[in-house]
Amino acid sequence: MKYAAFSKRFLAFLIDCIVLGFVMLLAQFTIPYFAPLAVWLAYKTLFEASQIQATPGKRAMELIVVDALGERITLKHSVIRTVIAWASLFTGFLLYLVCLFTARKQTVHDLVASTFVIEGQREGDPLKAWVDECKKVVDVVRSAIGKPRSPERDRIELLEKLARLRDSGAITESEFNDRKAAVIQETKA
């Protein structure tokens, strides 16, 4: 793994500030202080836990966030990372400068969440990745308040996955049609 230089991380942060600046300003007029914070937390947390593993700023700088094994981080680790990063605001971003003194160029929020920012880029549509993460959060919230996912939604997602497998060449058109028919038959039962 090639760890990201401070300069690249800083430029990624500036890009994210530009992307979010207008949205956070608008959010300030709804619920002052809380809404802009919620927008930033959702933006950073969901993008970094998504399949692309990067905010738009990090993606522009060809950086991704990984765990100790170089894999995608969990939503839990992304939340921890984002909250600690937000707390660094109160230190004048001094907690970010720690990466200048660590062997793996980790900031305090990286150290606490056991994450790394490395050079690289994951394939995929950033907007779709973010929407997928939003769906996961909604599912977690729904199950926490006692409203589980609907069976219909599960079937739709299964059919979408099958279509992606077909489109990627992992299964043939015939296999896709057989599996699709089985899912539809299960729905009628």
Protein backbone atom coordinates (compact mmCIF):
# COMPACT_ATOMS: atom_id res chain seq x y z
CA MET A 1 0.00 0.00 0.00
CA LYS A 2 1.27 3.46 -0.87
CA TYR A 3 0.14 5.79 1.89
CA ALA A 4 -1.28 9.15 0.83
CA ALA A 5 0.89 12.23 1.23
CA PHE A 6 -0.39 15.08 3.40
CA SER A 7 -0.51 17.39 0.37
CA LYS A 8 -2.86 15.07 -1.54
CA ARG A 9 -5.07 14.63 1.50
CA PHE A 10 -5.19 18.37 2.04
CA LEU A 11 -6.17 19.02 -1.59
CA ALA A 12 -8.87 16.34 -1.31
CA PHE A 13 -10.19 18.08 1.80
CA LEU A 14 -10.30 21.44 -0.03
CA ILE A 15 -12.20 19.88 -2.93
CA ASP A 16 -14.71 18.37 -0.50
CA CYS A 17 -15.12 21.77 1.18
CA ILE A 18 -15.91 23.35 -2.19
CA VAL A 19 -18.36 20.56 -3.07
CA LEU A 20 -20.11 20.81 0.28
CA GLY A 21 -19.82 24.54 0.93
CA PHE A 22 -23.00 25.60 -0.85
CA VAL A 23 -25.04 22.67 0.50
CA MET A 24 -23.89 23.32 4.05
CA LEU A 25 -24.71 27.02 3.68
CA LEU A 26 -28.25 26.14 2.59
CA ALA A 27 -28.54 23.63 5.43
CA GLN A 28 -27.54 26.37 7.88
CA PHE A 29 -30.84 28.11 7.11
CA THR A 30 -32.89 25.06 8.11
CA ILE A 31 -31.50 23.99 11.47
CA PRO A 32 -28.51 26.22 12.27
CA TYR A 33 -25.28 24.42 13.19
CA PHE A 34 -26.87 20.96 13.37
CA ALA A 35 -27.98 20.62 9.72
CA PRO A 36 -24.59 21.56 8.20
CA LEU A 37 -22.87 19.14 10.58
CA ALA A 38 -25.33 16.37 9.66
CA VAL A 39 -24.73 17.02 5.95
CA TRP A 40 -20.95 16.81 6.40
CA LEU A 41 -21.15 13.69 8.59
CA ALA A 42 -23.41 11.90 6.11
CA TYR A 43 -21.28 12.96 3.13
CA LYS A 44 -17.95 11.83 4.56
CA THR A 45 -19.22 8.73 6.37
CA LEU A 46 -21.28 7.31 3.53
CA PHE A 47 -18.81 8.00 0.73
CA GLU A 48 -15.86 6.51 2.62
CA ALA A 49 -17.82 3.39 3.62
CA SER A 50 -19.19 2.96 0.10
CA GLN A 51 -17.82 0.69 -2.61
CA ILE A 52 -15.73 3.56 -4.00
CA GLN A 53 -14.19 4.14 -0.54
CA ALA A 54 -13.66 7.86 -1.08
CA THR A 55 -15.32 11.24 -0.91
CA PRO A 56 -15.42 13.12 -4.22
CA GLY A 57 -12.33 15.06 -3.11
CA LYS A 58 -10.40 11.89 -2.36
CA ARG A 59 -11.61 10.36 -5.61
CA ALA A 60 -10.35 13.41 -7.54
CA MET A 61 -6.95 12.97 -5.88
CA GLU A 62 -7.05 9.18 -6.49
CA LEU A 63 -7.12 8.25 -2.81
CA ILE A 64 -9.16 5.62 -0.97
CA VAL A 65 -9.79 4.77 2.68
CA VAL A 66 -9.01 1.19 3.73
CA ASP A 67 -8.78 -0.95 6.85
CA ALA A 68 -5.60 -2.68 8.07
CA LEU A 69 -6.05 -5.42 5.45
CA GLY A 70 -6.46 -2.94 2.61
CA GLU A 71 -10.20 -3.68 2.40
CA ARG A 72 -13.27 -1.46 2.45
CA ILE A 73 -14.03 0.01 5.87
CA THR A 74 -17.26 -0.69 7.71
CA LEU A 75 -19.92 1.93 8.31
CA LYS A 76 -19.05 1.78 12.02
CA HIS A 77 -15.39 2.57 11.37
CA SER A 78 -16.39 5.32 8.97
CA VAL A 79 -18.61 6.93 11.61
CA ILE A 80 -15.81 6.79 14.19
CA ARG A 81 -13.35 8.22 11.69
CA THR A 82 -15.70 11.03 10.68
CA VAL A 83 -16.62 12.06 14.24
CA ILE A 84 -12.95 12.23 15.30
CA ALA A 85 -12.12 14.18 12.12
CA TRP A 86 -14.92 16.62 12.94
CA ALA A 87 -13.57 17.00 16.47
CA SER A 88 -10.24 18.08 15.00
CA LEU A 89 -11.98 21.27 13.88
CA PHE A 90 -11.78 22.39 17.52
CA THR A 91 -8.00 21.98 17.50
CA GLY A 92 -7.59 24.11 14.41
CA PHE A 93 -7.08 20.88 12.44
CA LEU A 94 -3.92 20.07 14.40
CA LEU A 95 -5.07 16.46 14.70
CA TYR A 96 -4.67 16.19 10.92
CA LEU A 97 -1.01 17.18 11.17
CA VAL A 98 -0.24 14.02 13.13
CA CYS A 99 0.05 12.28 9.74
CA LEU A 100 3.29 14.16 9.16
CA PHE A 101 4.85 12.22 12.05
CA THR A 102 3.43 8.70 11.70
CA ALA A 103 5.07 5.98 9.64
CA ARG A 104 1.88 5.18 7.73
CA LYS A 105 0.83 8.83 7.38
CA GLN A 106 -2.18 8.34 9.66
CA THR A 107 -4.10 11.19 11.26
CA VAL A 108 -5.65 10.85 14.71
CA HIS A 109 -8.97 9.79 13.19
CA ASP A 110 -7.16 7.12 11.16
CA LEU A 111 -5.37 5.84 14.25
CA VAL A 112 -8.54 5.67 16.35
CA ALA A 113 -10.57 3.95 13.60
CA SER A 114 -7.67 1.71 12.45
CA THR A 115 -7.88 3.06 8.91
CA PHE A 116 -5.44 4.24 6.26
CA VAL A 117 -5.67 6.58 3.31
CA ILE A 118 -3.79 5.14 0.37
CA GLU A 119 -3.29 5.96 -3.28
CA GLY A 120 -5.66 4.15 -5.59
CA GLN A 121 -9.16 4.27 -6.97
CA ARG A 122 -12.11 1.90 -6.97
CA GLU A 123 -14.30 1.41 -10.00
CA GLY A 124 -17.92 2.40 -9.84
CA ASP A 125 -20.38 5.24 -9.97
CA PRO A 126 -19.85 7.50 -6.91
CA LEU A 127 -23.47 8.65 -6.79
CA LYS A 128 -24.79 5.09 -6.98
CA ALA A 129 -22.33 4.01 -4.28
CA TRP A 130 -23.52 6.80 -1.99
CA VAL A 131 -27.19 5.96 -2.62
CA ASP A 132 -26.48 2.29 -1.85
CA GLU A 133 -24.90 3.30 1.47
CA CYS A 134 -27.89 5.54 2.25
CA LYS A 135 -30.18 2.54 1.67
CA LYS A 136 -28.12 0.48 4.12
CA VAL A 137 -28.41 3.20 6.77
CA VAL A 138 -32.18 3.41 6.24
CA ASP A 139 -32.40 -0.37 6.60
CA VAL A 140 -30.43 -0.27 9.86
CA VAL A 141 -32.64 2.51 11.22
CA ARG A 142 -35.82 0.73 10.12
CA SER A 143 -34.82 -2.50 11.80
CA ALA A 144 -33.76 -0.62 14.95
CA ILE A 145 -37.24 0.91 15.24
CA GLY A 146 -38.96 -2.36 14.41
CA LYS A 147 -39.77 -1.85 10.74
CA PRO A 148 -37.89 -4.55 8.85
CA ARG A 149 -37.24 -4.49 5.13
CA SER A 150 -40.07 -5.58 2.92
CA PRO A 151 -39.81 -8.91 1.12
CA GLU A 152 -40.65 -7.08 -2.11
CA ARG A 153 -37.59 -4.85 -1.73
CA ASP A 154 -35.41 -7.90 -1.08
CA ARG A 155 -36.68 -9.50 -4.31
CA ILE A 156 -36.06 -6.32 -6.31
CA GLU A 157 -32.50 -6.10 -4.98
CA LEU A 158 -31.93 -9.76 -5.79
CA LEU A 159 -33.11 -9.21 -9.37
CA GLU A 160 -30.86 -6.13 -9.66
CA LYS A 161 -27.88 -8.18 -8.46
CA LEU A 162 -28.66 -10.89 -10.97
CA ALA A 163 -28.81 -8.29 -13.74
CA ARG A 164 -25.41 -6.91 -12.67
CA LEU A 165 -23.95 -10.43 -12.71
CA ARG A 166 -25.33 -10.97 -16.21
CA ASP A 167 -24.06 -7.59 -17.41
CA SER A 168 -20.59 -8.28 -16.02
CA GLY A 169 -20.49 -11.69 -17.71
CA ALA A 170 -20.40 -13.64 -14.44
CA ILE A 171 -23.55 -15.53 -15.46
CA THR A 172 -25.02 -16.25 -18.88
CA GLU A 173 -28.31 -14.89 -20.20
CA SER A 174 -29.80 -18.38 -19.75
CA GLU A 175 -28.65 -18.58 -16.11
CA PHE A 176 -30.03 -15.09 -15.52
CA ASN A 177 -33.43 -16.06 -16.95
CA ASP A 178 -33.55 -19.29 -14.89
CA ARG A 179 -32.70 -17.50 -11.65
CA LYS A 180 -35.07 -14.64 -12.45
CA ALA A 181 -37.89 -17.13 -13.06
CA ALA A 182 -37.14 -18.80 -9.72
CA VAL A 183 -37.32 -15.46 -7.89
CA ILE A 184 -40.59 -14.55 -9.61
CA GLN A 185 -42.04 -18.02 -8.91
CA GLU A 186 -41.08 -17.64 -5.25
CA THR A 187 -42.99 -14.34 -5.20
CA LYS A 188 -46.17 -16.02 -6.43
CA ALA A 189 -45.94 -18.78 -3.83
